[in-house]
PDB file of N, CA and C in Angstrom:
ATOM      1  N   UNK A   1     123.946 136.379  93.835  1.00  0.00           N
ATOM      2  CA  UNK A   1     123.330 136.330  95.212  1.00  0.00           C
ATOM      3  C   UNK A   1     123.500 134.877  95.732  1.00  0.00           C
ATOM      4  N   UNK A   2     123.928 134.757  96.960  1.00  0.00           N
ATOM      5  CA  UNK A   2     124.155 133.399  97.433  1.00  0.00           C
ATOM      6  C   UNK A   2     122.848 132.839  98.120  1.00  0.00           C
ATOM      7  N   UNK A   3     122.836 131.551  98.327  1.00  0.00           N
ATOM      8  CA  UNK A   3     121.626 130.990  98.834  1.00  0.00           C
ATOM      9  C   UNK A   3     121.218 131.483 100.133  1.00  0.00           C
ATOM     10  N   UNK A   4     122.132 131.799 101.091  1.00  0.00           N
ATOM     11  CA  UNK A   4     121.746 132.354 102.343  1.00  0.00           C
ATOM     12  C   UNK A   4     120.937 133.627 102.251  1.00  0.00           C
ATOM     13  N   UNK A   5     121.353 134.511 101.330  1.00  0.00           N
ATOM     14  CA  UNK A   5     120.640 135.837 101.114  1.00  0.00           C
ATOM     15  C   UNK A   5     119.291 135.547 100.583  1.00  0.00           C
ATOM     16  N   UNK A   6     119.288 134.668  99.568  1.00  0.00           N
ATOM     17  CA  UNK A   6     117.972 134.359  98.876  1.00  0.00           C
ATOM     18  C   UNK A   6     117.032 133.815  99.901  1.00  0.00           C
ATOM     19  N   UNK A   7     117.450 132.899 100.691  1.00  0.00           N
ATOM     20  CA  UNK A   7     116.535 132.308 101.749  1.00  0.00           C
ATOM     21  C   UNK A   7     116.062 133.411 102.674  1.00  0.00           C
ATOM     22  N   UNK A   8     116.976 134.266 103.118  1.00  0.00           N
ATOM     23  CA  UNK A   8     116.564 135.283 104.046  1.00  0.00           C
ATOM     24  C   UNK A   8     115.537 136.179 103.404  1.00  0.00           C
ATOM     25  N   UNK A   9     115.690 136.546 102.086  1.00  0.00           N
ATOM     26  CA  UNK A   9     114.651 137.322 101.408  1.00  0.00           C
ATOM     27  C   UNK A   9     113.342 136.645 101.323  1.00  0.00           C
ATOM     28  N   UNK A  10     113.387 135.379 101.096  1.00  0.00           N
ATOM     29  CA  UNK A  10     112.132 134.585 100.918  1.00  0.00           C
ATOM     30  C   UNK A  10     111.350 134.609 102.254  1.00  0.00           C
ATOM     31  N   UNK A  11     112.145 134.359 103.326  1.00  0.00           N
ATOM     32  CA  UNK A  11     111.452 134.411 104.698  1.00  0.00           C
ATOM     33  C   UNK A  11     110.907 135.738 104.963  1.00  0.00           C
ATOM     34  N   UNK A  12     111.667 136.736 104.572  1.00  0.00           N
ATOM     35  CA  UNK A  12     111.139 138.197 104.781  1.00  0.00           C
ATOM     36  C   UNK A  12     109.829 138.369 104.042  1.00  0.00           C
ATOM     37  N   UNK A  13     109.791 137.903 102.817  1.00  0.00           N
ATOM     38  CA  UNK A  13     108.538 138.101 101.966  1.00  0.00           C
ATOM     39  C   UNK A  13     107.445 137.327 102.636  1.00  0.00           C
ATOM     40  N   UNK A  14     107.777 136.093 103.084  1.00  0.00           N
ATOM     41  CA  UNK A  14     106.704 135.251 103.787  1.00  0.00           C
ATOM     42  C   UNK A  14     106.175 135.952 104.931  1.00  0.00           C
ATOM     43  N   UNK A  15     107.096 136.531 105.747  1.00  0.00           N
ATOM     44  CA  UNK A  15     106.648 137.233 107.014  1.00  0.00           C
ATOM     45  C   UNK A  15     105.747 138.443 106.657  1.00  0.00           C
ATOM     46  N   UNK A  16     106.150 139.145 105.585  1.00  0.00           N
ATOM     47  CA  UNK A  16     105.460 140.330 105.124  1.00  0.00           C
ATOM     48  C   UNK A  16     103.977 139.919 104.809  1.00  0.00           C
ATOM     49  N   UNK A  17     103.832 138.816 104.050  1.00  0.00           N
ATOM     50  CA  UNK A  17     102.505 138.374 103.598  1.00  0.00           C
ATOM     51  C   UNK A  17     101.723 137.924 104.811  1.00  0.00           C
ATOM     52  N   UNK A  18     102.377 137.297 105.767  1.00  0.00           N
ATOM     53  CA  UNK A  18     101.618 136.830 106.981  1.00  0.00           C
ATOM     54  C   UNK A  18     101.206 138.046 107.792  1.00  0.00           C
ATOM     55  N   UNK A  19     101.991 139.111 107.894  1.00  0.00           N
ATOM     56  CA  UNK A  19     101.716 140.311 108.555  1.00  0.00           C
ATOM     57  C   UNK A  19     100.426 140.927 107.889  1.00  0.00           C
ATOM     58  N   UNK A  20     100.510 141.015 106.545  1.00  0.00           N
ATOM     59  CA  UNK A  20      99.409 141.638 105.814  1.00  0.00           C
ATOM     60  C   UNK A  20      98.062 140.864 106.027  1.00  0.00           C
ATOM     61  N   UNK A  21      98.175 139.485 106.030  1.00  0.00           N
ATOM     62  CA  UNK A  21      97.068 138.687 106.221  1.00  0.00           C
ATOM     63  C   UNK A  21      96.423 138.994 107.609  1.00  0.00           C
ATOM     64  N   UNK A  22      97.344 139.125 108.586  1.00  0.00           N
ATOM     65  CA  UNK A  22      96.854 139.278 110.010  1.00  0.00           C
ATOM     66  C   UNK A  22      96.145 140.606 110.039  1.00  0.00           C
ATOM     67  N   UNK A  23      96.651 141.602 109.256  1.00  0.00           N
ATOM     68  CA  UNK A  23      96.061 142.951 109.315  1.00  0.00           C
ATOM     69  C   UNK A  23      94.696 142.926 108.662  1.00  0.00           C
ATOM     70  N   UNK A  24      94.587 142.156 107.564  1.00  0.00           N
ATOM     71  CA  UNK A  24      93.328 142.065 106.848  1.00  0.00           C
ATOM     72  C   UNK A  24      92.270 141.333 107.796  1.00  0.00           C
ATOM     73  N   UNK A  25      92.718 140.337 108.423  1.00  0.00           N
ATOM     74  CA  UNK A  25      91.819 139.604 109.374  1.00  0.00           C
ATOM     75  C   UNK A  25      91.449 140.581 110.478  1.00  0.00           C
TER      76      UNK A  25
END
């Protein structure tokens, strides 16, 4: 896996967590 893909996955996960936090709030 190249760095670009890994970075994209990380930001996707971060966004998912932010969305879940927003829903919880």
